[in-house]
């Protein structure tokens, strides 16, 4: 870990300590090899900022494609394509920076995750507008996502540990699951899991919201106990 000084407003000085990245998702090793290969092939005139912008645009257009699915089911397939664009930009930007030794850990962490929060909001908003998911359920998923994100960001600051996956699932696996769901709903739009009145996306959204909320609570308790033990008053 490295410490870097950042001068704010010409007077105050903040010390930055880069957090340890904890990544244990299922396809991490295969994905890392692919991203390194792509970084090697990326033209010199393309930099990480370009890729970050591409990733953000991909997420926004994926949300727009879900909204379009209210008029045509092909919006679901279009969303798959833009999820792939989002993966390319969002995953390759950091890899390219590390490959070229052009890292900006504060800027990269901040910009990536601010964009992610806005992007997921646009994605779930599109799903609600397009009728893929009931607006109330989409709101629950967004709230759970933002609560989990808040816990991750606070733990990154307080513990210098940036956990990028839970239960073997990371952003890439979630994109894959969402893409598979898009294709399934394209061919079977009236699926109701276990005979419930909820659609496939409604059911998946509720499971996802419960899962993210549960992980946020467990992580908050675990991290709170660790910090209490580390700073116990005597």
Protein backbone atom coordinates (compact mmCIF):
# COMPACT_ATOMS: atom_id res chain seq x y z
CA UNK A 1 0.00 0.00 0.00
CA UNK A 2 1.20 3.49 -0.79
CA UNK A 3 0.68 6.83 0.89
CA UNK A 4 0.22 9.89 -1.32
CA UNK A 5 -0.31 13.48 -0.18
CA UNK A 6 -3.09 15.52 -1.76
CA UNK A 7 -3.21 19.28 -1.27
CA UNK A 8 -6.72 20.67 -1.02
CA UNK A 9 -7.55 24.39 -1.44
CA UNK A 10 -3.84 25.21 -1.36
CA UNK A 11 -3.51 24.68 2.40
CA UNK A 12 -4.94 21.47 3.80
CA UNK A 13 -3.05 18.24 3.17
CA UNK A 14 -4.73 14.84 3.09
CA UNK A 15 -2.79 11.58 3.24
CA UNK A 16 -4.08 8.82 0.98
CA UNK A 17 -3.46 5.15 1.66
CA UNK A 18 -4.44 2.81 -1.16
CA UNK A 19 -6.71 -0.04 -0.04
CA UNK A 20 -6.00 -3.72 -0.57
CA UNK A 21 -8.24 -5.10 -3.34
CA UNK A 22 -10.07 -8.30 -2.30
CA UNK A 23 -11.45 -10.11 -5.34
CA UNK A 24 -12.72 -13.69 -5.16
CA UNK A 25 -15.40 -13.96 -7.82
CA UNK A 26 -15.77 -17.22 -9.77
CA UNK A 27 -14.28 -16.13 -13.08
CA UNK A 28 -11.68 -13.71 -11.71
CA UNK A 29 -8.61 -15.55 -13.06
CA UNK A 30 -10.02 -16.10 -16.55
CA UNK A 31 -11.32 -12.55 -16.70
CA UNK A 32 -7.94 -11.17 -15.57
CA UNK A 33 -6.12 -13.05 -18.34
CA UNK A 34 -8.59 -11.74 -20.93
CA UNK A 35 -8.30 -8.17 -19.66
CA UNK A 36 -4.50 -8.30 -19.73
CA UNK A 37 -4.65 -9.56 -23.32
CA UNK A 38 -7.04 -6.73 -24.24
CA UNK A 39 -4.78 -4.19 -22.50
CA UNK A 40 -1.86 -5.36 -24.62
CA UNK A 41 -3.94 -4.91 -27.80
CA UNK A 42 -5.43 -1.53 -26.87
CA UNK A 43 -4.17 1.27 -29.18
CA UNK A 44 -1.82 3.76 -27.51
CA UNK A 45 -4.18 6.67 -28.20
CA UNK A 46 -6.91 5.02 -26.10
CA UNK A 47 -6.49 5.66 -22.37
CA UNK A 48 -8.32 4.67 -19.21
CA UNK A 49 -10.50 7.80 -19.22
CA UNK A 50 -11.82 6.86 -22.67
CA UNK A 51 -12.67 3.39 -21.37
CA UNK A 52 -14.37 4.79 -18.26
CA UNK A 53 -16.55 6.98 -20.51
CA UNK A 54 -17.37 3.97 -22.71
CA UNK A 55 -18.37 1.95 -19.65
CA UNK A 56 -20.60 4.74 -18.36
CA UNK A 57 -22.25 5.16 -21.76
CA UNK A 58 -22.83 1.41 -21.96
CA UNK A 59 -24.68 1.36 -18.63
CA UNK A 60 -26.81 4.40 -19.53
CA UNK A 61 -27.74 2.88 -22.91
CA UNK A 62 -28.51 -0.44 -21.27
CA UNK A 63 -31.00 1.34 -19.01
CA UNK A 64 -32.47 3.10 -22.05
CA UNK A 65 -32.78 -0.27 -23.80
CA UNK A 66 -34.79 -1.65 -20.88
CA UNK A 67 -37.09 1.36 -21.14
CA UNK A 68 -37.41 0.65 -24.88
CA UNK A 69 -38.55 -2.91 -24.10
CA UNK A 70 -41.95 -1.42 -23.19
CA UNK A 71 -42.42 -1.03 -26.96
CA UNK A 72 -40.38 -3.91 -28.36
CA UNK A 73 -38.86 -7.03 -26.83
CA UNK A 74 -35.72 -6.40 -28.87
CA UNK A 75 -34.83 -3.80 -26.26
CA UNK A 76 -33.84 -6.75 -24.03
CA UNK A 77 -31.33 -8.00 -26.58
CA UNK A 78 -30.03 -4.49 -27.13
CA UNK A 79 -29.49 -4.23 -23.39
CA UNK A 80 -27.28 -7.34 -23.51
CA UNK A 81 -25.06 -5.66 -26.09
CA UNK A 82 -24.72 -2.51 -23.98
CA UNK A 83 -24.02 -4.54 -20.83
CA UNK A 84 -21.07 -6.02 -22.75
CA UNK A 85 -19.94 -2.49 -23.66
CA UNK A 86 -20.22 -1.53 -20.00
CA UNK A 87 -18.14 -4.55 -18.96
CA UNK A 88 -15.44 -3.67 -21.48
CA UNK A 89 -15.07 -0.07 -20.34
CA UNK A 90 -15.63 -0.59 -16.64
CA UNK A 91 -13.30 -3.60 -16.30
CA UNK A 92 -10.56 -2.64 -18.74
CA UNK A 93 -9.93 0.94 -17.58
CA UNK A 94 -8.18 -0.07 -14.36
CA UNK A 95 -6.35 -2.97 -15.97
CA UNK A 96 -5.04 -0.67 -18.71
CA UNK A 97 -3.86 1.88 -16.14
CA UNK A 98 -1.98 -0.80 -14.19
CA UNK A 99 -0.57 -2.37 -17.37
CA UNK A 100 0.81 0.99 -18.54
CA UNK A 101 1.81 2.04 -15.02
CA UNK A 102 -0.42 5.10 -15.31
CA UNK A 103 -2.38 4.56 -12.11
CA UNK A 104 -4.40 7.26 -10.34
CA UNK A 105 -5.85 5.34 -7.38
CA UNK A 106 -7.82 8.19 -5.79
CA UNK A 107 -9.23 9.52 -9.03
CA UNK A 108 -9.96 6.05 -10.41
CA UNK A 109 -11.70 4.79 -7.27
CA UNK A 110 -13.79 7.93 -6.90
CA UNK A 111 -14.83 8.35 -10.53
CA UNK A 112 -15.52 4.65 -11.14
CA UNK A 113 -17.84 4.31 -8.18
CA UNK A 114 -19.66 7.60 -8.61
CA UNK A 115 -20.35 6.52 -12.19
CA UNK A 116 -21.45 3.07 -11.00
CA UNK A 117 -24.00 4.59 -8.61
CA UNK A 118 -25.49 6.79 -11.33
CA UNK A 119 -25.30 3.95 -13.85
CA UNK A 120 -27.14 1.42 -11.68
CA UNK A 121 -29.77 4.07 -10.95
CA UNK A 122 -30.26 4.53 -14.71
CA UNK A 123 -30.33 0.76 -15.26
CA UNK A 124 -32.99 0.08 -12.64
CA UNK A 125 -34.94 3.17 -13.70
CA UNK A 126 -35.03 1.79 -17.23
CA UNK A 127 -36.21 -1.60 -15.99
CA UNK A 128 -39.01 0.07 -14.05
CA UNK A 129 -40.04 2.29 -16.97
CA UNK A 130 -39.94 -0.61 -19.43
CA UNK A 131 -42.15 -2.84 -17.31
CA UNK A 132 -39.41 -5.44 -16.86
CA UNK A 133 -39.62 -4.93 -13.11
CA UNK A 134 -42.26 -3.35 -10.92
CA UNK A 135 -41.11 0.20 -10.02
CA UNK A 136 -41.43 -0.51 -6.29
CA UNK A 137 -39.22 -3.59 -6.55
CA UNK A 138 -36.71 -1.69 -8.71
CA UNK A 139 -36.60 0.97 -5.97
CA UNK A 140 -35.96 -1.70 -3.31
CA UNK A 141 -33.10 -3.12 -5.38
CA UNK A 142 -31.59 0.36 -5.81
CA UNK A 143 -31.84 1.11 -2.08
CA UNK A 144 -30.21 -2.23 -1.22
CA UNK A 145 -27.45 -1.60 -3.77
CA UNK A 146 -26.72 1.87 -2.39
CA UNK A 147 -26.71 0.57 1.20
CA UNK A 148 -24.24 -2.18 0.28
CA UNK A 149 -22.13 0.30 -1.70
CA UNK A 150 -22.06 2.67 1.28
CA UNK A 151 -20.85 -0.15 3.55
CA UNK A 152 -18.14 -1.11 1.05
CA UNK A 153 -16.92 2.47 0.67
CA UNK A 154 -16.86 3.08 4.43
CA UNK A 155 -14.99 -0.18 5.01
CA UNK A 156 -12.52 0.75 2.28
CA UNK A 157 -11.80 4.00 4.10
CA UNK A 158 -11.73 2.61 7.65
CA UNK A 159 -10.07 -0.77 7.04
CA UNK A 160 -8.13 -0.17 3.79
CA UNK A 161 -9.82 -3.28 2.36
CA UNK A 162 -11.80 -2.93 -0.86
CA UNK A 163 -14.02 -6.00 -1.19
CA UNK A 164 -15.02 -6.41 -4.84
CA UNK A 165 -17.03 -9.64 -4.63
CA UNK A 166 -19.30 -11.53 -2.23
CA UNK A 167 -20.19 -15.23 -2.22
CA UNK A 168 -18.15 -15.67 -5.39
CA UNK A 169 -20.18 -13.05 -7.26
CA UNK A 170 -18.80 -9.79 -8.58
CA UNK A 171 -19.97 -7.21 -11.14
CA UNK A 172 -19.05 -9.43 -14.11
CA UNK A 173 -21.07 -12.40 -12.85
CA UNK A 174 -24.04 -10.13 -12.19
CA UNK A 175 -23.85 -8.76 -15.74
CA UNK A 176 -23.81 -12.32 -17.07
CA UNK A 177 -26.84 -13.30 -14.97
CA UNK A 178 -28.69 -10.19 -16.13
CA UNK A 179 -27.85 -10.93 -19.77
CA UNK A 180 -29.02 -14.54 -19.44
CA UNK A 181 -32.25 -13.25 -17.87
CA UNK A 182 -32.72 -10.84 -20.79
CA UNK A 183 -32.42 -13.63 -23.35
CA UNK A 184 -34.73 -15.93 -21.37
CA UNK A 185 -37.42 -13.26 -20.98
CA UNK A 186 -37.09 -12.39 -24.70
CA UNK A 187 -38.23 -15.92 -25.58
CA UNK A 188 -40.49 -16.53 -22.57
CA UNK A 189 -41.86 -13.12 -21.54
CA UNK A 190 -44.60 -14.43 -19.24
CA UNK A 191 -42.48 -16.62 -16.96
CA UNK A 192 -43.55 -16.64 -13.29
CA UNK A 193 -41.07 -18.59 -11.11
CA UNK A 194 -42.65 -21.16 -8.77
CA UNK A 195 -46.10 -20.15 -9.99
CA UNK A 196 -45.90 -16.76 -8.25
CA UNK A 197 -47.51 -13.64 -9.69
CA UNK A 198 -44.11 -11.99 -10.00
CA UNK A 199 -42.20 -11.92 -13.28
CA UNK A 200 -38.71 -13.37 -13.58
CA UNK A 201 -37.10 -9.94 -13.15
CA UNK A 202 -39.37 -9.12 -10.19
CA UNK A 203 -38.42 -12.38 -8.50
CA UNK A 204 -34.73 -11.92 -9.28
CA UNK A 205 -34.87 -8.32 -8.08
CA UNK A 206 -36.42 -9.30 -4.75
CA UNK A 207 -33.83 -12.04 -4.24
CA UNK A 208 -31.07 -9.61 -5.17
CA UNK A 209 -32.36 -6.91 -2.81
CA UNK A 210 -32.64 -9.36 0.09
CA UNK A 211 -29.17 -10.74 -0.66
CA UNK A 212 -27.51 -7.32 -0.88
CA UNK A 213 -29.24 -6.11 2.28
CA UNK A 214 -28.18 -9.27 4.13
CA UNK A 215 -24.57 -8.91 2.98
CA UNK A 216 -24.56 -5.24 4.00
CA UNK A 217 -25.83 -6.06 7.50
CA UNK A 218 -23.42 -8.97 8.04
CA UNK A 219 -20.48 -6.94 6.71
CA UNK A 220 -21.39 -3.94 8.87
CA UNK A 221 -21.48 -6.09 12.01
CA UNK A 222 -18.21 -7.88 11.12
CA UNK A 223 -16.36 -4.69 10.25
CA UNK A 224 -17.81 -2.81 13.24
CA UNK A 225 -16.59 -5.53 15.60
CA UNK A 226 -13.13 -5.52 14.01
CA UNK A 227 -12.83 -1.73 14.35
CA UNK A 228 -14.13 -1.81 17.93
CA UNK A 229 -11.51 -4.41 18.83
CA UNK A 230 -8.77 -2.42 17.11
CA UNK A 231 -9.69 0.81 18.92
CA UNK A 232 -10.96 -0.53 22.22
CA UNK A 233 -10.95 2.10 24.97
CA UNK A 234 -9.03 1.09 28.09
